[in-house]
Amino acid sequence: MAARVSESYVLRTYPFREGDLIVSFFTRDQGKLRGVARRARKPKSSFGSGLERLSLVNLTYSQKETRELVNLYNGELLQSQFDLISDFETSVALDYVAEISEHLLPEHEPNERFFRLITAVLAHMHTRVPGAIWAAITYFSLWATRLSGFLPNLANHPERSLSPESRELAGTMLRSTLADLPTRTWNKDTALDLRRFLVRQMEEHVERRFQTPPMLEAL
């Protein structure tokens, strides 16, 4: 059972047994996996701070075909989002990206474009320009829906709640990278109708209600 190393985003962790963690992580080469990080909650753990939400980590793990969970051995932290967590609005936006990714991504299916989407969204949040999180989560919601295969044609969609401005913005986002979007002023109300529509699409697809969209709207 040879160990392998994958560049990964940590999506979620939760306690498992005494001192252990279950970790859901999205690898660049193997897709989303879940594993057990032994003694990760103990002092002087080999994982250190590498299992924080949306940390980019080189995770070392091994996998048996007969087991659902892989065994995690250690993680080399490549990028922390710690400086973003200090801002409450951005912290909620990180929760949103992690929750959507956790529920949309199927297990064991590599998705390089989704991996690059998360990278671009986090990079945009790190710019700290005013309104950056609202541009980032709108772009993320649109492309997460598209990459998951259920984004309708917004230009001709009969949804009455979508304004012409939001339809136009969606078209621009589908043709541009996040970094190359035309300069505009962003706030929580910009394209709110579009984000609400996309959240409904995603919730219908996974057949569950997300916890973070109401938190974003309450900011």
N, C-alpha and C. Protein backbone atom coordinates (compact mmCIF):
# COMPACT_ATOMS: atom_id res chain seq x y z
N MET A 1 0.85 -1.18 0.00
CA MET A 1 0.00 0.00 0.00
C MET A 1 0.90 1.25 0.00
N ALA A 2 1.32 1.67 -1.19
CA ALA A 2 2.24 2.78 -1.32
C ALA A 2 1.55 4.10 -1.00
N ALA A 3 2.29 4.98 -0.35
CA ALA A 3 1.75 6.31 -0.05
C ALA A 3 1.88 7.19 -1.27
N ARG A 4 0.97 8.14 -1.39
CA ARG A 4 1.03 9.12 -2.47
C ARG A 4 0.86 10.51 -1.88
N VAL A 5 1.30 11.49 -2.63
CA VAL A 5 1.21 12.89 -2.20
C VAL A 5 0.38 13.65 -3.22
N SER A 6 -0.64 14.38 -2.75
CA SER A 6 -1.50 15.15 -3.65
C SER A 6 -1.65 16.58 -3.15
N GLU A 7 -1.55 17.53 -4.08
CA GLU A 7 -1.88 18.91 -3.77
C GLU A 7 -3.38 19.00 -3.54
N SER A 8 -3.80 19.51 -2.39
CA SER A 8 -5.19 19.37 -1.98
C SER A 8 -5.70 20.63 -1.27
N TYR A 9 -7.00 20.87 -1.42
CA TYR A 9 -7.70 21.85 -0.60
C TYR A 9 -8.49 21.12 0.47
N VAL A 10 -8.34 21.53 1.71
CA VAL A 10 -9.12 20.95 2.81
C VAL A 10 -10.51 21.56 2.79
N LEU A 11 -11.53 20.73 2.68
CA LEU A 11 -12.90 21.22 2.61
C LEU A 11 -13.60 21.20 3.97
N ARG A 12 -13.36 20.14 4.74
CA ARG A 12 -14.08 20.00 6.00
C ARG A 12 -13.35 19.02 6.89
N THR A 13 -13.40 19.26 8.20
CA THR A 13 -12.89 18.30 9.18
C THR A 13 -13.90 18.15 10.30
N TYR A 14 -13.94 16.97 10.89
CA TYR A 14 -14.78 16.77 12.07
C TYR A 14 -14.18 15.67 12.94
N PRO A 15 -14.41 15.76 14.24
CA PRO A 15 -13.77 14.83 15.17
C PRO A 15 -14.13 13.38 14.89
N PHE A 16 -13.15 12.52 15.16
CA PHE A 16 -13.35 11.08 14.98
C PHE A 16 -12.47 10.37 16.00
N ARG A 17 -13.13 9.68 16.92
CA ARG A 17 -12.40 9.00 17.99
C ARG A 17 -11.58 10.02 18.79
N GLU A 18 -10.77 9.52 19.69
CA GLU A 18 -10.03 10.40 20.57
C GLU A 18 -8.79 10.94 19.87
N GLY A 19 -8.83 12.23 19.59
CA GLY A 19 -7.67 12.88 19.01
C GLY A 19 -7.57 12.83 17.50
N ASP A 20 -8.47 12.08 16.82
CA ASP A 20 -8.40 11.95 15.37
C ASP A 20 -9.37 12.91 14.69
N LEU A 21 -9.17 13.10 13.39
CA LEU A 21 -10.07 13.89 12.57
C LEU A 21 -10.43 13.14 11.30
N ILE A 22 -11.69 13.27 10.89
CA ILE A 22 -12.07 12.90 9.53
C ILE A 22 -11.88 14.14 8.67
N VAL A 23 -11.20 13.99 7.55
CA VAL A 23 -10.89 15.12 6.68
C VAL A 23 -11.47 14.86 5.30
N SER A 24 -12.28 15.81 4.82
CA SER A 24 -12.71 15.80 3.43
C SER A 24 -11.81 16.77 2.67
N PHE A 25 -11.15 16.28 1.63
CA PHE A 25 -10.19 17.13 0.91
C PHE A 25 -10.31 16.89 -0.60
N PHE A 26 -10.03 17.94 -1.34
CA PHE A 26 -10.17 17.93 -2.79
C PHE A 26 -8.78 17.98 -3.41
N THR A 27 -8.37 16.88 -4.03
CA THR A 27 -7.05 16.79 -4.62
C THR A 27 -7.08 17.20 -6.09
N ARG A 28 -5.95 17.69 -6.54
CA ARG A 28 -5.85 18.07 -7.95
C ARG A 28 -5.89 16.85 -8.87
N ASP A 29 -5.33 15.72 -8.42
CA ASP A 29 -5.19 14.57 -9.31
C ASP A 29 -6.16 13.43 -9.05
N GLN A 30 -6.77 13.37 -7.85
CA GLN A 30 -7.65 12.25 -7.53
C GLN A 30 -9.09 12.66 -7.24
N GLY A 31 -9.37 13.96 -7.26
CA GLY A 31 -10.72 14.42 -6.92
C GLY A 31 -10.92 14.51 -5.42
N LYS A 32 -12.16 14.48 -5.01
CA LYS A 32 -12.47 14.60 -3.57
C LYS A 32 -12.31 13.25 -2.88
N LEU A 33 -11.64 13.28 -1.74
CA LEU A 33 -11.42 12.08 -0.94
C LEU A 33 -11.75 12.38 0.51
N ARG A 34 -11.91 11.33 1.28
CA ARG A 34 -12.07 11.48 2.73
C ARG A 34 -11.09 10.55 3.41
N GLY A 35 -10.54 11.03 4.52
CA GLY A 35 -9.55 10.21 5.20
C GLY A 35 -9.49 10.48 6.69
N VAL A 36 -8.75 9.63 7.38
CA VAL A 36 -8.56 9.75 8.82
C VAL A 36 -7.16 10.30 9.10
N ALA A 37 -7.12 11.41 9.82
CA ALA A 37 -5.85 11.99 10.26
C ALA A 37 -5.64 11.61 11.72
N ARG A 38 -4.80 10.62 11.95
CA ARG A 38 -4.58 10.12 13.30
C ARG A 38 -3.89 11.17 14.17
N ARG A 39 -4.39 11.34 15.38
CA ARG A 39 -3.82 12.22 16.39
C ARG A 39 -3.72 13.67 15.90
N ALA A 40 -4.55 14.05 14.94
CA ALA A 40 -4.48 15.41 14.38
C ALA A 40 -4.90 16.47 15.39
N ARG A 41 -5.68 16.07 16.40
CA ARG A 41 -6.11 17.03 17.42
C ARG A 41 -5.21 17.04 18.64
N LYS A 42 -4.15 16.27 18.58
CA LYS A 42 -3.21 16.21 19.69
C LYS A 42 -2.15 17.30 19.56
N PRO A 43 -1.57 17.73 20.69
CA PRO A 43 -0.45 18.68 20.62
C PRO A 43 0.70 18.10 19.80
N LYS A 44 1.40 18.97 19.09
CA LYS A 44 2.55 18.57 18.27
C LYS A 44 2.16 17.58 17.18
N SER A 45 0.94 17.70 16.67
CA SER A 45 0.53 16.86 15.55
C SER A 45 1.39 17.15 14.33
N SER A 46 1.64 16.12 13.54
CA SER A 46 2.44 16.29 12.32
C SER A 46 1.71 17.13 11.28
N PHE A 47 0.40 17.35 11.47
CA PHE A 47 -0.37 18.15 10.51
C PHE A 47 -0.31 19.64 10.83
N GLY A 48 0.05 19.99 12.06
CA GLY A 48 0.13 21.38 12.43
C GLY A 48 -1.17 22.11 12.12
N SER A 49 -1.05 23.27 11.44
CA SER A 49 -2.23 24.04 11.05
C SER A 49 -2.66 23.74 9.61
N GLY A 50 -2.17 22.64 9.08
CA GLY A 50 -2.43 22.33 7.67
C GLY A 50 -3.80 21.80 7.36
N LEU A 51 -4.63 21.59 8.37
CA LEU A 51 -5.97 21.06 8.11
C LEU A 51 -7.05 22.11 8.33
N GLU A 52 -6.66 23.38 8.33
CA GLU A 52 -7.66 24.44 8.43
C GLU A 52 -8.44 24.54 7.12
N ARG A 53 -9.65 25.05 7.21
CA ARG A 53 -10.56 25.14 6.07
C ARG A 53 -9.92 25.86 4.88
N LEU A 54 -9.95 25.20 3.74
CA LEU A 54 -9.45 25.69 2.46
C LEU A 54 -7.95 25.96 2.44
N SER A 55 -7.23 25.40 3.40
CA SER A 55 -5.77 25.43 3.30
C SER A 55 -5.36 24.60 2.08
N LEU A 56 -4.33 25.07 1.38
CA LEU A 56 -3.75 24.31 0.28
C LEU A 56 -2.57 23.54 0.84
N VAL A 57 -2.62 22.21 0.71
CA VAL A 57 -1.68 21.34 1.41
C VAL A 57 -1.23 20.22 0.49
N ASN A 58 0.02 19.85 0.61
CA ASN A 58 0.49 18.60 0.02
C ASN A 58 0.22 17.50 1.05
N LEU A 59 -0.83 16.73 0.83
CA LEU A 59 -1.21 15.69 1.78
C LEU A 59 -0.60 14.35 1.36
N THR A 60 -0.04 13.66 2.34
CA THR A 60 0.49 12.32 2.13
C THR A 60 -0.51 11.31 2.69
N TYR A 61 -0.89 10.33 1.88
CA TYR A 61 -1.93 9.39 2.29
C TYR A 61 -1.77 8.07 1.55
N SER A 62 -2.42 7.07 2.06
CA SER A 62 -2.47 5.77 1.38
C SER A 62 -3.92 5.29 1.36
N GLN A 63 -4.23 4.44 0.41
CA GLN A 63 -5.61 4.04 0.19
C GLN A 63 -5.70 2.56 -0.14
N LYS A 64 -6.64 1.88 0.50
CA LYS A 64 -6.95 0.50 0.16
C LYS A 64 -8.26 0.46 -0.62
N GLU A 65 -8.33 -0.36 -1.64
CA GLU A 65 -9.52 -0.42 -2.47
C GLU A 65 -10.76 -0.82 -1.69
N THR A 66 -10.58 -1.57 -0.63
CA THR A 66 -11.72 -2.08 0.12
C THR A 66 -12.20 -1.11 1.20
N ARG A 67 -11.51 0.04 1.35
CA ARG A 67 -11.88 0.98 2.41
C ARG A 67 -12.30 2.31 1.82
N GLU A 68 -13.35 2.88 2.42
CA GLU A 68 -13.85 4.16 1.95
C GLU A 68 -12.92 5.29 2.34
N LEU A 69 -12.33 5.21 3.55
CA LEU A 69 -11.48 6.27 4.06
C LEU A 69 -10.01 5.97 3.80
N VAL A 70 -9.27 6.99 3.36
CA VAL A 70 -7.83 6.82 3.21
C VAL A 70 -7.17 7.12 4.55
N ASN A 71 -5.91 6.74 4.67
CA ASN A 71 -5.13 7.05 5.87
C ASN A 71 -4.23 8.24 5.57
N LEU A 72 -4.40 9.30 6.34
CA LEU A 72 -3.60 10.51 6.17
C LEU A 72 -2.42 10.47 7.13
N TYR A 73 -1.22 10.80 6.61
CA TYR A 73 -0.02 10.71 7.43
C TYR A 73 0.52 12.08 7.84
N ASN A 74 0.61 12.99 6.90
CA ASN A 74 1.06 14.35 7.23
C ASN A 74 0.69 15.28 6.10
N GLY A 75 0.87 16.56 6.35
CA GLY A 75 0.54 17.56 5.34
C GLY A 75 1.53 18.70 5.35
N GLU A 76 2.01 19.06 4.18
CA GLU A 76 2.91 20.21 4.03
C GLU A 76 2.07 21.41 3.59
N LEU A 77 1.97 22.40 4.45
CA LEU A 77 1.14 23.57 4.17
C LEU A 77 1.76 24.40 3.06
N LEU A 78 0.99 24.62 1.99
CA LEU A 78 1.44 25.44 0.86
C LEU A 78 0.87 26.85 0.90
N GLN A 79 -0.38 26.96 1.31
CA GLN A 79 -1.01 28.28 1.45
C GLN A 79 -2.08 28.21 2.52
N SER A 80 -1.98 29.13 3.47
CA SER A 80 -2.98 29.25 4.52
C SER A 80 -3.94 30.38 4.18
N GLN A 81 -5.19 30.25 4.62
CA GLN A 81 -6.16 31.33 4.47
C GLN A 81 -6.35 32.06 5.80
N PHE A 82 -5.37 31.92 6.69
CA PHE A 82 -5.52 32.46 8.04
C PHE A 82 -5.78 33.97 8.03
N ASP A 83 -5.10 34.70 7.14
CA ASP A 83 -5.28 36.15 7.12
C ASP A 83 -6.67 36.54 6.66
N LEU A 84 -7.34 35.67 5.87
CA LEU A 84 -8.71 35.96 5.44
C LEU A 84 -9.72 35.68 6.55
N ILE A 85 -9.42 34.71 7.39
CA ILE A 85 -10.34 34.33 8.45
C ILE A 85 -10.50 35.45 9.47
N SER A 86 -9.50 36.32 9.58
CA SER A 86 -9.57 37.41 10.57
C SER A 86 -10.66 38.42 10.24
N ASP A 87 -11.11 38.46 8.98
CA ASP A 87 -12.22 39.33 8.58
C ASP A 87 -13.49 38.50 8.54
N PHE A 88 -14.54 38.92 9.28
CA PHE A 88 -15.72 38.09 9.43
C PHE A 88 -16.42 37.85 8.10
N GLU A 89 -16.60 38.90 7.28
CA GLU A 89 -17.28 38.72 6.00
C GLU A 89 -16.55 37.72 5.11
N THR A 90 -15.23 37.86 5.04
CA THR A 90 -14.44 36.96 4.20
C THR A 90 -14.45 35.55 4.77
N SER A 91 -14.48 35.42 6.09
CA SER A 91 -14.55 34.11 6.71
C SER A 91 -15.83 33.38 6.32
N VAL A 92 -16.96 34.10 6.32
CA VAL A 92 -18.23 33.50 5.90
C VAL A 92 -18.16 33.10 4.42
N ALA A 93 -17.52 33.94 3.60
CA ALA A 93 -17.37 33.61 2.18
C ALA A 93 -16.55 32.34 2.00
N LEU A 94 -15.52 32.15 2.83
CA LEU A 94 -14.74 30.91 2.78
C LEU A 94 -15.61 29.71 3.15
N ASP A 95 -16.43 29.88 4.18
CA ASP A 95 -17.36 28.81 4.56
C ASP A 95 -18.26 28.44 3.38
N TYR A 96 -18.72 29.44 2.66
CA TYR A 96 -19.60 29.23 1.51
C TYR A 96 -18.89 28.41 0.43
N VAL A 97 -17.69 28.81 0.06
CA VAL A 97 -16.93 28.09 -0.97
C VAL A 97 -16.68 26.65 -0.54
N ALA A 98 -16.32 26.46 0.72
CA ALA A 98 -16.05 25.10 1.21
C ALA A 98 -17.31 24.24 1.21
N GLU A 99 -18.43 24.82 1.66
CA GLU A 99 -19.67 24.04 1.71
C GLU A 99 -20.14 23.65 0.32
N ILE A 100 -20.14 24.60 -0.62
CA ILE A 100 -20.59 24.30 -1.97
C ILE A 100 -19.70 23.24 -2.59
N SER A 101 -18.39 23.38 -2.44
CA SER A 101 -17.46 22.41 -3.01
C SER A 101 -17.68 21.03 -2.41
N GLU A 102 -17.86 20.99 -1.11
CA GLU A 102 -18.08 19.70 -0.42
C GLU A 102 -19.28 18.95 -0.99
N HIS A 103 -20.35 19.66 -1.29
CA HIS A 103 -21.58 18.98 -1.71
C HIS A 103 -21.71 18.81 -3.23
N LEU A 104 -21.03 19.64 -4.00
CA LEU A 104 -21.14 19.49 -5.45
C LEU A 104 -20.15 18.48 -6.02
N LEU A 105 -18.99 18.38 -5.42
CA LEU A 105 -17.95 17.53 -5.99
C LEU A 105 -18.19 16.06 -5.65
N PRO A 106 -18.28 15.20 -6.66
CA PRO A 106 -18.39 13.76 -6.39
C PRO A 106 -17.04 13.21 -5.95
N GLU A 107 -17.06 12.12 -5.25
CA GLU A 107 -15.81 11.53 -4.76
C GLU A 107 -15.09 10.80 -5.89
N HIS A 108 -13.77 10.84 -5.80
CA HIS A 108 -12.88 10.07 -6.70
C HIS A 108 -13.02 10.48 -8.17
N GLU A 109 -13.43 11.71 -8.43
CA GLU A 109 -13.52 12.19 -9.80
C GLU A 109 -12.67 13.45 -9.94
N PRO A 110 -11.48 13.34 -10.56
CA PRO A 110 -10.63 14.52 -10.74
C PRO A 110 -11.36 15.60 -11.52
N ASN A 111 -11.15 16.85 -11.13
CA ASN A 111 -11.79 17.98 -11.81
C ASN A 111 -10.83 19.16 -11.75
N GLU A 112 -9.90 19.18 -12.69
CA GLU A 112 -8.86 20.20 -12.72
C GLU A 112 -9.44 21.60 -12.82
N ARG A 113 -10.52 21.76 -13.58
CA ARG A 113 -11.10 23.10 -13.76
C ARG A 113 -11.72 23.61 -12.46
N PHE A 114 -12.35 22.72 -11.70
CA PHE A 114 -12.91 23.14 -10.40
C PHE A 114 -11.78 23.49 -9.43
N PHE A 115 -10.70 22.73 -9.49
CA PHE A 115 -9.56 23.01 -8.63
C PHE A 115 -9.01 24.40 -8.94
N ARG A 116 -8.89 24.72 -10.23
CA ARG A 116 -8.39 26.04 -10.62
C ARG A 116 -9.39 27.13 -10.28
N LEU A 117 -10.68 26.81 -10.29
CA LEU A 117 -11.69 27.77 -9.89
C LEU A 117 -11.50 28.18 -8.44
N ILE A 118 -11.33 27.21 -7.55
CA ILE A 118 -11.12 27.53 -6.14
C ILE A 118 -9.86 28.39 -5.98
N THR A 119 -8.80 28.02 -6.70
CA THR A 119 -7.55 28.78 -6.63
C THR A 119 -7.76 30.23 -7.03
N ALA A 120 -8.48 30.46 -8.12
CA ALA A 120 -8.73 31.81 -8.61
C ALA A 120 -9.58 32.62 -7.63
N VAL A 121 -10.59 31.96 -7.06
CA VAL A 121 -11.48 32.64 -6.12
C VAL A 121 -10.72 33.06 -4.86
N LEU A 122 -9.90 32.17 -4.33
CA LEU A 122 -9.12 32.51 -3.14
C LEU A 122 -8.11 33.62 -3.44
N ALA A 123 -7.49 33.56 -4.61
CA ALA A 123 -6.53 34.60 -4.98
C ALA A 123 -7.22 35.96 -5.06
N HIS A 124 -8.45 36.00 -5.57
CA HIS A 124 -9.18 37.26 -5.66
C HIS A 124 -9.53 37.78 -4.27
N MET A 125 -9.91 36.88 -3.37
CA MET A 125 -10.20 37.33 -2.01
C MET A 125 -8.96 37.92 -1.35
N HIS A 126 -7.80 37.37 -1.66
CA HIS A 126 -6.56 37.85 -1.06
C HIS A 126 -6.17 39.25 -1.54
N THR A 127 -6.76 39.71 -2.63
CA THR A 127 -6.44 41.07 -3.09
C THR A 127 -6.94 42.12 -2.12
N ARG A 128 -7.99 41.79 -1.35
CA ARG A 128 -8.56 42.68 -0.35
C ARG A 128 -9.12 43.97 -0.95
N VAL A 129 -9.36 44.03 -2.26
CA VAL A 129 -9.97 45.23 -2.83
C VAL A 129 -11.42 45.30 -2.36
N PRO A 130 -11.99 46.51 -2.23
CA PRO A 130 -13.38 46.61 -1.76
C PRO A 130 -14.34 45.80 -2.62
N GLY A 131 -15.17 45.00 -1.96
CA GLY A 131 -16.15 44.19 -2.67
C GLY A 131 -15.60 42.92 -3.28
N ALA A 132 -14.34 42.59 -3.00
CA ALA A 132 -13.71 41.43 -3.64
C ALA A 132 -14.46 40.13 -3.33
N ILE A 133 -14.96 39.99 -2.10
CA ILE A 133 -15.61 38.72 -1.76
C ILE A 133 -16.90 38.54 -2.55
N TRP A 134 -17.61 39.64 -2.86
CA TRP A 134 -18.88 39.51 -3.56
C TRP A 134 -18.66 39.15 -5.03
N ALA A 135 -17.63 39.72 -5.62
CA ALA A 135 -17.27 39.31 -6.98
C ALA A 135 -16.82 37.85 -6.98
N ALA A 136 -16.04 37.46 -5.97
CA ALA A 136 -15.49 36.10 -5.91
C ALA A 136 -16.59 35.05 -5.75
N ILE A 137 -17.52 35.28 -4.81
CA ILE A 137 -18.53 34.24 -4.59
C ILE A 137 -19.57 34.20 -5.70
N THR A 138 -19.81 35.35 -6.36
CA THR A 138 -20.72 35.33 -7.51
C THR A 138 -20.10 34.53 -8.65
N TYR A 139 -18.83 34.81 -8.92
CA TYR A 139 -18.10 34.09 -9.97
C TYR A 139 -18.03 32.60 -9.63
N PHE A 140 -17.71 32.31 -8.37
CA PHE A 140 -17.62 30.91 -7.95
C PHE A 140 -18.95 30.19 -8.11
N SER A 141 -20.05 30.82 -7.70
CA SER A 141 -21.37 30.19 -7.78
C SER A 141 -21.73 29.87 -9.24
N LEU A 142 -21.45 30.83 -10.11
CA LEU A 142 -21.77 30.64 -11.53
C LEU A 142 -20.96 29.50 -12.13
N TRP A 143 -19.67 29.52 -11.91
CA TRP A 143 -18.83 28.50 -12.53
C TRP A 143 -18.93 27.14 -11.84
N ALA A 144 -19.20 27.12 -10.54
CA ALA A 144 -19.42 25.83 -9.87
C ALA A 144 -20.65 25.15 -10.44
N THR A 145 -21.69 25.95 -10.72
CA THR A 145 -22.90 25.40 -11.32
C THR A 145 -22.63 24.91 -12.74
N ARG A 146 -21.88 25.71 -13.48
CA ARG A 146 -21.58 25.31 -14.86
C ARG A 146 -20.71 24.05 -14.91
N LEU A 147 -19.65 24.02 -14.12
CA LEU A 147 -18.75 22.87 -14.14
C LEU A 147 -19.42 21.60 -13.63
N SER A 148 -20.48 21.76 -12.84
CA SER A 148 -21.22 20.60 -12.36
C SER A 148 -22.26 20.13 -13.37
N GLY A 149 -22.46 20.91 -14.44
CA GLY A 149 -23.26 20.44 -15.57
C GLY A 149 -24.72 20.78 -15.56
N PHE A 150 -25.17 21.72 -14.72
CA PHE A 150 -26.60 22.00 -14.68
C PHE A 150 -26.93 23.49 -14.74
N LEU A 151 -26.03 24.28 -15.32
CA LEU A 151 -26.31 25.70 -15.50
C LEU A 151 -27.19 25.89 -16.73
N PRO A 152 -28.38 26.48 -16.57
CA PRO A 152 -29.23 26.71 -17.74
C PRO A 152 -28.72 27.89 -18.57
N ASN A 153 -29.29 28.06 -19.74
CA ASN A 153 -28.97 29.20 -20.58
C ASN A 153 -29.63 30.44 -19.97
N LEU A 154 -28.85 31.26 -19.29
CA LEU A 154 -29.42 32.38 -18.56
C LEU A 154 -29.97 33.47 -19.47
N ALA A 155 -29.43 33.56 -20.68
CA ALA A 155 -29.91 34.59 -21.60
C ALA A 155 -31.37 34.38 -21.97
N ASN A 156 -31.78 33.11 -22.05
CA ASN A 156 -33.15 32.80 -22.47
C ASN A 156 -33.98 32.16 -21.37
N HIS A 157 -33.44 32.11 -20.16
CA HIS A 157 -34.15 31.44 -19.08
C HIS A 157 -35.36 32.27 -18.65
N PRO A 158 -36.51 31.63 -18.42
CA PRO A 158 -37.72 32.39 -18.10
C PRO A 158 -37.78 32.93 -16.67
N GLU A 159 -36.75 32.69 -15.86
CA GLU A 159 -36.75 33.15 -14.47
C GLU A 159 -36.94 34.67 -14.42
N ARG A 160 -38.08 35.10 -13.89
CA ARG A 160 -38.41 36.53 -13.88
C ARG A 160 -37.61 37.34 -12.88
N SER A 161 -37.08 36.66 -11.87
CA SER A 161 -36.35 37.39 -10.83
C SER A 161 -34.97 37.84 -11.29
N LEU A 162 -34.50 37.32 -12.42
CA LEU A 162 -33.18 37.69 -12.91
C LEU A 162 -33.27 38.97 -13.72
N SER A 163 -32.55 39.99 -13.28
CA SER A 163 -32.57 41.26 -13.97
C SER A 163 -31.72 41.19 -15.24
N PRO A 164 -31.99 42.06 -16.22
CA PRO A 164 -31.14 42.11 -17.42
C PRO A 164 -29.68 42.36 -17.07
N GLU A 165 -29.44 43.18 -16.05
CA GLU A 165 -28.06 43.47 -15.65
C GLU A 165 -27.34 42.21 -15.15
N SER A 166 -28.06 41.39 -14.39
CA SER A 166 -27.45 40.16 -13.88
C SER A 166 -27.22 39.15 -14.99
N ARG A 167 -28.12 39.07 -15.93
CA ARG A 167 -27.92 38.17 -17.07
C ARG A 167 -26.70 38.60 -17.87
N GLU A 168 -26.56 39.91 -18.06
CA GLU A 168 -25.40 40.42 -18.80
C GLU A 168 -24.11 40.15 -18.05
N LEU A 169 -24.14 40.35 -16.71
CA LEU A 169 -22.96 40.10 -15.90
C LEU A 169 -22.57 38.63 -15.95
N ALA A 170 -23.56 37.74 -15.89
CA ALA A 170 -23.28 36.31 -15.97
C ALA A 170 -22.60 35.97 -17.29
N GLY A 171 -23.09 36.56 -18.37
CA GLY A 171 -22.48 36.32 -19.67
C GLY A 171 -21.03 36.77 -19.70
N THR A 172 -20.76 37.93 -19.09
CA THR A 172 -19.38 38.43 -19.03
C THR A 172 -18.51 37.49 -18.22
N MET A 173 -19.02 37.01 -17.08
CA MET A 173 -18.25 36.11 -16.23
C MET A 173 -17.94 34.78 -16.92
N LEU A 174 -18.84 34.33 -17.76
CA LEU A 174 -18.62 33.06 -18.46
C LEU A 174 -17.60 33.20 -19.59
N ARG A 175 -17.30 34.44 -19.96
CA ARG A 175 -16.33 34.68 -21.03
C ARG A 175 -14.99 35.17 -20.51
N SER A 176 -14.90 35.46 -19.20
CA SER A 176 -13.70 36.08 -18.65
C SER A 176 -13.19 35.32 -17.44
N THR A 177 -11.91 35.50 -17.17
CA THR A 177 -11.38 35.03 -15.90
C THR A 177 -11.79 36.01 -14.81
N LEU A 178 -11.75 35.57 -13.58
CA LEU A 178 -12.12 36.44 -12.47
C LEU A 178 -11.21 37.66 -12.40
N ALA A 179 -9.93 37.45 -12.64
CA ALA A 179 -8.97 38.56 -12.56
C ALA A 179 -9.16 39.57 -13.69
N ASP A 180 -9.76 39.14 -14.79
CA ASP A 180 -9.90 40.02 -15.96
C ASP A 180 -11.29 40.63 -16.10
N LEU A 181 -12.14 40.47 -15.09
CA LEU A 181 -13.47 41.08 -15.19
C LEU A 181 -13.36 42.60 -15.28
N PRO A 182 -14.24 43.23 -16.05
CA PRO A 182 -14.23 44.69 -16.12
C PRO A 182 -14.40 45.30 -14.72
N THR A 183 -13.71 46.40 -14.49
CA THR A 183 -13.78 47.07 -13.20
C THR A 183 -15.19 47.59 -12.93
N ARG A 184 -15.69 47.30 -11.74
CA ARG A 184 -16.99 47.80 -11.32
C ARG A 184 -17.04 47.82 -9.79
N THR A 185 -17.99 48.54 -9.26
CA THR A 185 -18.16 48.58 -7.81
C THR A 185 -19.02 47.40 -7.37
N TRP A 186 -18.48 46.63 -6.42
CA TRP A 186 -19.20 45.46 -5.91
C TRP A 186 -19.60 45.69 -4.45
N ASN A 187 -20.82 45.23 -4.12
CA ASN A 187 -21.23 45.14 -2.72
C ASN A 187 -22.18 43.95 -2.61
N LYS A 188 -22.72 43.72 -1.43
CA LYS A 188 -23.53 42.51 -1.21
C LYS A 188 -24.79 42.47 -2.05
N ASP A 189 -25.25 43.62 -2.55
CA ASP A 189 -26.46 43.65 -3.36
C ASP A 189 -26.20 43.49 -4.85
N THR A 190 -24.94 43.57 -5.25
CA THR A 190 -24.60 43.41 -6.66
C THR A 190 -24.86 41.96 -7.08
N ALA A 191 -25.72 41.79 -8.09
CA ALA A 191 -26.05 40.46 -8.63
C ALA A 191 -26.62 39.53 -7.56
N LEU A 192 -27.28 40.10 -6.54
CA LEU A 192 -27.89 39.27 -5.50
C LEU A 192 -28.91 38.32 -6.09
N ASP A 193 -29.70 38.79 -7.06
CA ASP A 193 -30.71 37.93 -7.69
C ASP A 193 -30.06 36.76 -8.40
N LEU A 194 -28.90 37.00 -9.01
CA LEU A 194 -28.18 35.93 -9.70
C LEU A 194 -27.68 34.89 -8.70
N ARG A 195 -27.09 35.34 -7.59
CA ARG A 195 -26.59 34.40 -6.59
C ARG A 195 -27.73 33.57 -6.00
N ARG A 196 -28.86 34.21 -5.71
CA ARG A 196 -30.00 33.47 -5.16
C ARG A 196 -30.48 32.41 -6.15
N PHE A 197 -30.53 32.78 -7.42
CA PHE A 197 -30.95 31.82 -8.45
C PHE A 197 -29.99 30.64 -8.52
N LEU A 198 -28.69 30.92 -8.50
CA LEU A 198 -27.70 29.85 -8.60
C LEU A 198 -27.72 28.95 -7.37
N VAL A 199 -27.92 29.53 -6.20
CA VAL A 199 -28.03 28.71 -4.98
C VAL A 199 -29.23 27.76 -5.09
N ARG A 200 -30.36 28.26 -5.59
CA ARG A 200 -31.52 27.39 -5.76
C ARG A 200 -31.21 26.25 -6.72
N GLN A 201 -30.50 26.55 -7.80
CA GLN A 201 -30.12 25.51 -8.75
C GLN A 201 -29.26 24.44 -8.08
N MET A 202 -28.29 24.89 -7.29
CA MET A 202 -27.39 23.95 -6.63
C MET A 202 -28.12 23.13 -5.57
N GLU A 203 -28.98 23.78 -4.80
CA GLU A 203 -29.72 23.05 -3.77
C GLU A 203 -30.66 22.02 -4.37
N GLU A 204 -31.28 22.35 -5.47
CA GLU A 204 -32.14 21.37 -6.14
C GLU A 204 -31.33 20.20 -6.66
N HIS A 205 -30.11 20.49 -7.12
CA HIS A 205 -29.27 19.43 -7.68
C HIS A 205 -28.82 18.44 -6.60
N VAL A 206 -28.42 18.95 -5.45
CA VAL A 206 -27.92 18.06 -4.39
C VAL A 206 -29.02 17.64 -3.42
N GLU A 207 -30.21 18.21 -3.59
CA GLU A 207 -31.37 17.87 -2.77
C GLU A 207 -31.12 18.12 -1.28
N ARG A 208 -30.60 19.31 -0.98
CA ARG A 208 -30.41 19.70 0.40
C ARG A 208 -30.30 21.22 0.46
N ARG A 209 -30.58 21.78 1.63
CA ARG A 209 -30.43 23.21 1.84
C ARG A 209 -29.04 23.50 2.37
N PHE A 210 -28.41 24.52 1.83
CA PHE A 210 -27.11 24.93 2.31
C PHE A 210 -27.26 25.84 3.53
N GLN A 211 -26.26 25.81 4.38
CA GLN A 211 -26.29 26.61 5.60
C GLN A 211 -25.70 28.01 5.43
N THR A 212 -24.77 28.17 4.50
CA THR A 212 -24.03 29.43 4.44
C THR A 212 -24.71 30.56 3.64
N PRO A 213 -25.55 30.30 2.62
CA PRO A 213 -26.15 31.44 1.91
C PRO A 213 -26.93 32.39 2.81
N PRO A 214 -27.75 31.90 3.77
CA PRO A 214 -28.41 32.85 4.67
C PRO A 214 -27.42 33.68 5.50
N MET A 215 -26.28 33.09 5.83
CA MET A 215 -25.27 33.82 6.60
C MET A 215 -24.68 34.95 5.74
N LEU A 216 -24.48 34.68 4.44
CA LEU A 216 -23.97 35.72 3.56
C LEU A 216 -24.97 36.87 3.44
N GLU A 217 -26.24 36.52 3.29
CA GLU A 217 -27.25 37.56 3.13
C GLU A 217 -27.44 38.39 4.40
N ALA A 218 -27.06 37.82 5.53
CA ALA A 218 -27.21 38.54 6.80
C ALA A 218 -26.04 39.48 7.09
N LEU A 219 -24.99 39.44 6.26
CA LEU A 219 -23.83 40.29 6.50
C LEU A 219 -24.18 41.77 6.33
